[in-house]
Structure formats: C-alpha cells, structure tokens
Amino acid sequence: MRIIGIDIGGANTKIASADGEIIELHYIPLWKDTTLPTSLEDIAEELKPDMVSVVMTGELADCFEDKLQGIDFIMRSVNDAFDCDVRYIDSNGHFFKEAENMRDLAAANWAASTRLIGSEMGDCLFVDVGSTTSDIIPIKDGKHAAGLTDFSRLVRNELFYAGTLRTNLAYLLDKVNVADGECNIASELFSTTADAYLLLGDITEELYTCETADGAGKSKTDAMRRLARVICADLSEVSADEIYNLAQQVRERQITLLSEAITVVAERNRLNRIVCAGLGEFLIKEAAARLGFECTSVADIWGADISKVFPAYAAARILEEEAEYPGKE
C-alpha cells in the first residue's frame, strides 16, 4: 500500500512517501494565480497513492480573506485531486474529525513532525529551519508543549519568521559593516537569504527553489548583484570581498537571532537537547554549538532529502502507523 504525506505551504508543496522512496518539492506559490489544484491532480496521477496524509501552512497566504478560506481552498484542492482515503493532521498532531474546529488544521505541519520525533527521539527541542520560517518546538513526555497557532507561537518564540531562502535581508539587518564604515540597509526586497547562502556555499543552485528578488538568474554573480543592491550599490562600487563579508554578516545575524529564540524556549521548558531538520540544518547546528546544546540531525538519521521535507514524511509515517494499528491514535 502506497501512503504519501503532503505538506502544503504558502510557497512550497512537499511530498514524501512513508517508506522514504518518494521525495518531491514543488514550488507552488499560493498568493499568485496558483496552480495548486492542477499540480495536485498531476501528482495524484503520477503517484497513484492508496492513502494520503495532509498538513498545511499555506492558509496564511494573503490571497485568502482569512485562514478558514485558505483551509477550505487547500482541502478542496486536495480532495478533488485524490481519489483515495485522505486524512488531515491538526495542530495537536492528531487526525482531524469533521465535528472539530477547522481552524485546528491551520499551520499544523510542525505538529506532525513533533509527533514522530517525540515517539522516536524523546524529550528535546525540535528545530526545523525551512525556506521561509523556523519552528522551535518543545517536546516533553513524547508530546509537543507549544502554542497551537502561528500567532501564539510567535508570542512564545516558538516561531521565528526567517528561513534559508525567502527571507528579506532588510528583515534581518539594520546595518552592515563595509570598507567605508557602518552602512544602513535599504528597506526594499532587493535580496533574500538564498543569495547569501548560495554565495557562501551553504546551498546550491538546485536548492535555490524560490524566485529571486529581481526575477533574474541564480548564479553566484546574480546573487552578488542582488546583495550589493541591499546597500544601494552595484558591482562596480563594492568589491567581491565586501559582498562576501555582507553575506557572512547575514549568516551571523540569522544564527544570533535563532540562538536567542532557542534560548527562550529552552529555558522555559528546561530542555537542552536539539533535534534539527530542514534546509537550514547548518544554521541550527551552529546555534546549538554556540549554546552548548546536544544536537541530533534528522539528515543523519533519515537522510538529507527527508530532512528537507520532514513534515510530509512525518505525516505519511503517522498515517502508515494508523493504517497498521487502527484506533491507536
């Protein structure tokens, strides 16, 4: 029986099978004239699953009037595409039942991840840095102890709204050091974290899956041009060394802010062990090292490809267990 998990975000839709043999990432921005319904139909036709387990975060996209409208659109898109048993996981990590509150489905991908991590890894902070956001979720006695909405998690530092690819550098930085001294940052979407991490070698062009800030290419030269624009310059005005230094300052700032959020959650929950996942594992490992925390990598256990789509994989695994042991939940 083929069981797949689907994690539908505002920018990316991730697919994983319970056996880990199928791993896919599709860039499907919901805030545009989205192709989600037809893309899911294509996925259903290609994979022909027997059961599907779904988590979502895309309901927050600003093309929707509110989260309920977003949830309804995503559910209709999935249900119309798949001619099989489809289940949805809520923010408690359980399968949604019709009589329950639809809002419980909002931003629940981390809940699937923590349910699997809690059952297999025990008490820890589960930290997942993806393309757009960072989840910092306390797990105690096998269950998550986090807020149940994005709003509550932002308040509690369990959601840090910065990621490896799509974060505007003007969100992370107020100033940078350049050869001529301290320089203010232009408050424009000139460059994103993907440019910095591509230039530093932390990601490859293949992993740069989102759109670029200027719609241009994804070579290192393109990235350098965008990074220079953040300080209102071009490649004739600043040296390559200065641009590399700017990228390093982006990295340093993001690690610092991530470390600060981890510290707040760790102290509140008396935890000092991290399990890390996502495209930004390299950021989490550095933060853990600075904090003196033990850090276990999902990539080392399940593989780097699964780490990048871990909520989808966790959703599939949870459904596989439920199918094998009905009523266990």
Protein backbone atom coordinates (compact mmCIF):
# COMPACT_ATOMS: atom_id res chain seq x y z
CA MET A 1 0.00 0.00 0.00
CA ARG A 2 1.41 3.39 -1.03
CA ILE A 3 0.96 6.09 1.61
CA ILE A 4 2.15 9.62 0.92
CA GLY A 5 2.32 12.73 3.06
CA ILE A 6 1.76 16.21 1.63
CA ASP A 7 2.86 19.45 3.30
CA ILE A 8 1.17 22.39 1.57
CA GLY A 9 2.86 25.68 2.40
CA GLY A 10 2.37 29.16 1.06
CA ALA A 11 5.35 28.78 -1.28
CA ASN A 12 6.28 25.10 -1.40
CA THR A 13 4.35 21.86 -1.53
CA LYS A 14 6.36 18.90 -0.27
CA ILE A 15 5.69 15.23 -0.92
CA ALA A 16 7.09 12.15 0.85
CA SER A 17 6.10 8.52 0.99
CA ALA A 18 6.05 6.60 4.27
CA ASP A 19 8.89 4.38 3.05
CA GLY A 20 11.01 7.40 2.11
CA GLU A 21 11.32 6.28 -1.51
CA ILE A 22 9.37 9.27 -2.87
CA ILE A 23 10.65 12.75 -2.05
CA GLU A 24 9.43 15.75 -4.05
CA LEU A 25 9.41 19.52 -3.60
CA HIS A 26 7.23 21.70 -5.81
CA TYR A 27 7.41 25.50 -5.81
CA ILE A 28 3.72 26.46 -5.90
CA PRO A 29 3.20 30.00 -4.54
CA LEU A 30 -0.40 30.28 -3.36
CA TRP A 31 -0.53 34.08 -3.34
CA LYS A 32 -0.35 34.19 -7.14
CA ASP A 33 -2.62 32.66 -9.75
CA THR A 34 -1.80 29.37 -8.11
CA THR A 35 -1.51 26.06 -9.90
CA LEU A 36 -2.13 24.06 -6.71
CA PRO A 37 -5.33 22.28 -7.91
CA THR A 38 -3.85 21.16 -11.23
CA SER A 39 -0.45 20.39 -9.70
CA LEU A 40 -2.08 18.10 -7.13
CA GLU A 41 -4.02 16.38 -9.91
CA ASP A 42 -0.74 15.74 -11.72
CA ILE A 43 0.84 14.41 -8.51
CA ALA A 44 -2.14 12.11 -7.91
CA GLU A 45 -1.98 10.77 -11.46
CA GLU A 46 1.76 10.16 -11.23
CA LEU A 47 1.97 8.62 -7.75
CA LYS A 48 -1.43 6.88 -7.52
CA PRO A 49 -1.41 6.64 -3.70
CA ASP A 50 -3.73 4.40 -1.70
CA MET A 51 -3.86 6.85 1.22
CA VAL A 52 -2.86 10.50 1.68
CA SER A 53 -1.99 12.38 4.87
CA VAL A 54 -2.01 16.19 4.66
CA VAL A 55 -0.60 19.03 6.73
CA MET A 56 -0.73 22.69 5.77
CA THR A 57 0.60 26.17 6.47
CA GLY A 58 -0.47 27.83 3.21
CA GLU A 59 -3.77 29.07 4.64
CA LEU A 60 -1.91 32.18 5.87
CA ALA A 61 -1.21 33.35 2.30
CA ASP A 62 -2.59 36.86 1.80
CA CYS A 63 -4.63 35.87 -1.24
CA PHE A 64 -7.16 34.49 1.27
CA GLU A 65 -9.52 36.70 3.26
CA ASP A 66 -8.80 34.66 6.37
CA LYS A 67 -7.39 31.30 7.45
CA LEU A 68 -10.71 29.48 7.11
CA GLN A 69 -10.94 30.48 3.45
CA GLY A 70 -7.39 29.25 2.93
CA ILE A 71 -8.07 25.94 4.67
CA ASP A 72 -11.19 25.43 2.57
CA PHE A 73 -9.30 26.13 -0.68
CA ILE A 74 -6.48 23.73 0.21
CA MET A 75 -8.85 20.96 1.32
CA ARG A 76 -10.98 21.28 -1.84
CA SER A 77 -7.84 21.18 -3.98
CA VAL A 78 -6.63 18.00 -2.27
CA ASN A 79 -10.00 16.24 -2.10
CA ASP A 80 -10.73 16.94 -5.77
CA ALA A 81 -7.31 15.68 -6.86
CA PHE A 82 -7.07 12.38 -4.95
CA ASP A 83 -9.49 9.50 -5.42
CA CYS A 84 -8.47 7.72 -2.23
CA ASP A 85 -8.63 7.97 1.56
CA VAL A 86 -7.40 11.47 2.56
CA ARG A 87 -6.69 12.46 6.17
CA TYR A 88 -5.68 15.82 7.67
CA ILE A 89 -3.47 16.33 10.71
CA ASP A 90 -4.33 19.11 13.18
CA SER A 91 -2.18 21.23 15.49
CA ASN A 92 -2.31 18.55 18.19
CA GLY A 93 -0.75 16.04 15.80
CA HIS A 94 -3.99 14.05 15.52
CA PHE A 95 -6.21 13.27 12.56
CA PHE A 96 -8.96 15.83 12.09
CA LYS A 97 -12.56 14.74 12.58
CA GLU A 98 -15.45 16.52 10.84
CA ALA A 99 -17.08 17.70 14.06
CA GLU A 100 -13.92 19.52 15.17
CA ASN A 101 -12.87 23.13 14.59
CA MET A 102 -11.49 23.65 11.07
CA ARG A 103 -9.05 26.22 12.42
CA ASP A 104 -7.18 23.40 14.16
CA LEU A 105 -5.79 22.47 10.72
CA ALA A 106 -4.02 25.82 10.32
CA ALA A 107 -0.21 25.77 10.44
CA ALA A 108 -0.04 22.20 11.70
CA ASN A 109 2.89 20.78 9.75
CA TRP A 110 5.22 21.08 12.77
CA ALA A 111 2.75 19.06 14.85
CA ALA A 112 3.19 16.06 12.56
CA SER A 113 6.97 16.38 12.81
CA THR A 114 6.96 16.61 16.59
CA ARG A 115 4.64 13.63 16.97
CA LEU A 116 7.12 11.46 15.09
CA ILE A 117 10.17 12.97 16.80
CA GLY A 118 8.55 12.64 20.23
CA SER A 119 7.81 8.95 19.70
CA GLU A 120 11.26 8.11 18.37
CA MET A 121 13.64 10.63 19.97
CA GLY A 122 12.06 11.58 23.32
CA ASP A 123 12.26 14.93 25.08
CA CYS A 124 14.01 17.66 23.08
CA LEU A 125 13.62 20.92 21.23
CA PHE A 126 12.65 20.14 17.65
CA VAL A 127 14.05 22.92 15.46
CA ASP A 128 13.17 22.99 11.76
CA VAL A 129 14.53 25.79 9.58
CA GLY A 130 12.88 25.73 6.17
CA SER A 131 12.82 28.10 3.24
CA THR A 132 10.68 30.73 4.99
CA THR A 133 10.33 30.09 8.73
CA SER A 134 11.93 28.40 11.72
CA ASP A 135 9.96 26.22 14.17
CA ILE A 136 11.30 25.81 17.71
CA ILE A 137 9.04 23.25 19.36
CA PRO A 138 9.45 21.84 22.88
CA ILE A 139 8.70 18.12 23.19
CA LYS A 140 8.12 16.73 26.69
CA ASP A 141 6.85 13.27 27.63
CA GLY A 142 6.54 12.44 23.94
CA LYS A 143 4.18 15.33 23.14
CA HIS A 144 4.70 18.90 21.99
CA ALA A 145 4.22 21.68 24.51
CA ALA A 146 3.89 24.53 22.00
CA GLY A 147 1.24 27.12 21.20
CA LEU A 148 -1.42 25.90 18.80
CA THR A 149 -1.46 28.83 16.35
CA ASP A 150 1.20 30.79 14.49
CA PHE A 151 0.20 33.86 16.49
CA SER A 152 0.66 32.14 19.85
CA ARG A 153 3.94 30.58 18.74
CA LEU A 154 5.28 33.94 17.59
CA VAL A 155 4.48 35.35 21.03
CA ARG A 156 6.26 32.40 22.68
CA ASN A 157 9.35 32.48 20.39
CA GLU A 158 8.39 29.03 19.06
CA LEU A 159 8.07 30.51 15.58
CA PHE A 160 10.93 32.62 14.23
CA TYR A 161 9.86 34.07 10.90
CA ALA A 162 13.11 33.69 8.98
CA GLY A 163 14.30 30.89 6.73
CA THR A 164 17.05 29.75 4.43
CA LEU A 165 15.72 31.05 1.11
CA ARG A 166 12.89 33.58 1.12
CA THR A 167 13.67 35.97 3.96
CA ASN A 168 14.16 39.61 3.01
CA LEU A 169 17.60 40.74 4.20
CA ALA A 170 16.04 44.02 5.36
CA TYR A 171 14.19 41.95 8.00
CA LEU A 172 17.40 40.55 9.46
CA LEU A 173 19.72 43.53 9.20
CA ASP A 174 19.57 47.23 10.06
CA LYS A 175 23.20 47.95 9.22
CA VAL A 176 26.27 46.17 7.87
CA ASN A 177 29.96 46.86 8.11
CA VAL A 178 31.64 47.79 4.83
CA ALA A 179 35.09 49.10 3.94
CA ASP A 180 33.96 52.71 4.40
CA GLY A 181 32.36 52.06 7.79
CA GLU A 182 28.87 51.18 9.02
CA CYS A 183 26.23 51.26 6.30
CA ASN A 184 22.44 51.38 6.61
CA ILE A 185 20.32 48.80 4.76
CA ALA A 186 17.83 49.70 2.04
CA SER A 187 14.33 48.71 3.15
CA GLU A 188 13.45 47.07 -0.16
CA LEU A 189 13.11 43.48 -1.34
CA PHE A 190 16.44 43.59 -3.18
CA SER A 191 17.85 40.30 -1.92
CA THR A 192 16.92 37.29 0.19
CA THR A 193 18.77 34.84 2.41
CA ALA A 194 19.07 32.43 -0.54
CA ASP A 195 21.56 34.83 -2.17
CA ALA A 196 23.75 34.95 0.94
CA TYR A 197 23.77 31.18 1.43
CA LEU A 198 24.33 30.47 -2.26
CA LEU A 199 27.35 32.78 -2.24
CA LEU A 200 28.72 31.20 0.95
CA GLY A 201 28.25 27.68 -0.41
CA ASP A 202 25.63 26.64 2.17
CA ILE A 203 23.11 25.87 -0.59
CA THR A 204 23.45 25.00 -4.27
CA GLU A 205 21.62 26.47 -7.25
CA GLU A 206 19.44 23.33 -7.26
CA LEU A 207 18.32 24.07 -3.68
CA TYR A 208 17.53 27.70 -4.58
CA THR A 209 13.96 26.70 -5.39
CA CYS A 210 12.16 30.01 -4.85
CA GLU A 211 12.01 33.02 -7.13
CA THR A 212 14.79 35.56 -6.96
CA ALA A 213 14.08 39.08 -5.70
CA ASP A 214 14.70 40.65 -9.12
CA GLY A 215 13.46 37.79 -11.30
CA ALA A 216 16.99 37.27 -12.65
CA GLY A 217 19.19 34.18 -12.51
CA LYS A 218 20.59 32.11 -9.66
CA SER A 219 24.30 32.17 -10.41
CA LYS A 220 26.72 33.48 -7.81
CA THR A 221 27.22 36.61 -9.92
CA ASP A 222 23.46 37.21 -9.93
CA ALA A 223 23.41 36.72 -6.16
CA MET A 224 26.29 39.17 -5.68
CA ARG A 225 24.48 41.78 -7.76
CA ARG A 226 21.38 41.48 -5.58
CA LEU A 227 23.41 41.57 -2.36
CA ALA A 228 25.19 44.75 -3.49
CA ARG A 229 21.81 46.39 -4.11
CA VAL A 230 20.94 45.95 -0.43
CA ILE A 231 23.47 48.72 0.27
CA CYS A 232 22.36 50.67 -2.82
CA ALA A 233 25.47 49.70 -4.77
CA ASP A 234 26.38 47.67 -7.80
CA LEU A 235 29.35 45.51 -8.65
CA SER A 236 31.38 48.49 -9.89
CA GLU A 237 31.14 50.22 -6.49
CA VAL A 238 31.91 47.46 -3.98
CA SER A 239 34.46 44.67 -4.09
CA ALA A 240 33.73 40.96 -4.16
CA ASP A 241 35.28 40.69 -0.69
CA GLU A 242 32.84 43.27 0.66
CA ILE A 243 29.89 41.36 -0.78
CA TYR A 244 31.14 38.08 0.70
CA ASN A 245 31.51 39.89 4.01
CA LEU A 246 27.94 41.16 3.73
CA ALA A 247 26.73 37.59 3.17
CA GLN A 248 28.68 36.43 6.23
CA GLN A 249 27.01 39.16 8.29
CA VAL A 250 23.61 37.88 7.15
CA ARG A 251 24.55 34.38 8.30
CA GLU A 252 25.88 35.62 11.62
CA ARG A 253 22.77 37.70 12.30
CA GLN A 254 20.38 34.88 11.50
CA ILE A 255 22.27 32.45 13.75
CA THR A 256 22.26 35.02 16.56
CA LEU A 257 18.51 35.62 16.31
CA LEU A 258 17.81 31.88 16.04
CA SER A 259 20.00 31.24 19.10
CA GLU A 260 18.12 33.88 21.08
CA ALA A 261 14.75 32.30 20.25
CA ILE A 262 16.03 28.81 21.08
CA THR A 263 17.34 30.08 24.42
CA VAL A 264 13.95 31.50 25.42
CA VAL A 265 12.10 28.27 24.58
CA ALA A 266 14.81 26.05 26.10
CA GLU A 267 14.86 27.90 29.40
CA ARG A 268 11.08 27.98 29.69
CA ASN A 269 10.87 24.21 29.11
CA ARG A 270 14.14 23.18 30.78
CA LEU A 271 15.46 21.45 27.68
CA ASN A 272 19.00 21.50 26.32
CA ARG A 273 18.88 18.91 23.56
CA ILE A 274 18.02 19.78 19.97
CA VAL A 275 16.82 17.62 17.09
CA CYS A 276 17.27 19.61 13.90
CA ALA A 277 15.68 19.37 10.47
CA GLY A 278 15.16 21.33 7.30
CA LEU A 279 17.15 23.03 4.59
CA GLY A 280 18.73 25.19 7.29
CA GLU A 281 20.20 22.42 9.45
CA PHE A 282 23.57 24.12 9.07
CA LEU A 283 22.22 27.19 10.90
CA ILE A 284 20.72 25.11 13.71
CA LYS A 285 23.91 23.12 14.28
CA GLU A 286 25.93 26.32 14.62
CA ALA A 287 23.37 27.79 17.03
CA ALA A 288 23.39 24.60 19.10
CA ALA A 289 27.19 24.59 19.24
CA ARG A 290 27.26 28.18 20.49
CA LEU A 291 24.67 27.38 23.16
CA GLY A 292 26.46 24.20 24.21
CA PHE A 293 23.41 22.05 23.41
CA GLU A 294 23.50 18.47 22.19
CA CYS A 295 22.25 18.40 18.60
CA THR A 296 20.94 15.41 16.65
CA SER A 297 20.42 15.77 12.91
CA VAL A 298 17.36 14.38 11.14
CA ALA A 299 19.51 14.25 8.00
CA ASP A 300 21.95 11.91 9.76
CA ILE A 301 19.12 9.58 10.82
CA TRP A 302 16.69 9.62 7.90
CA GLY A 303 18.75 11.30 5.16
CA ALA A 304 19.21 14.85 3.91
CA ASP A 305 16.37 14.65 1.38
CA ILE A 306 13.86 13.57 4.02
CA SER A 307 15.08 16.30 6.38
CA LYS A 308 14.11 18.93 3.79
CA VAL A 309 10.52 17.62 3.60
CA PHE A 310 10.23 16.24 7.12
CA PRO A 311 6.64 17.32 7.92
CA ALA A 312 5.40 15.49 4.80
CA TYR A 313 7.41 12.40 5.75
CA ALA A 314 6.12 12.53 9.32
CA ALA A 315 2.53 12.86 8.11
CA ALA A 316 2.96 9.77 5.92
CA ARG A 317 4.55 7.78 8.76
CA ILE A 318 1.73 8.71 11.16
CA LEU A 319 -0.90 7.55 8.68
CA GLU A 320 1.03 4.34 8.00
CA GLU A 321 1.00 3.55 11.71
CA GLU A 322 -2.70 4.34 11.96
CA ALA A 323 -3.45 2.10 8.97
CA GLU A 324 -1.44 -0.72 10.53
CA TYR A 325 -2.91 -0.28 14.00
CA PRO A 326 -6.41 1.26 13.56
CA GLY A 327 -7.64 3.21 16.56
CA LYS A 328 -4.19 3.52 18.13
CA GLU A 329 -4.41 7.32 17.99
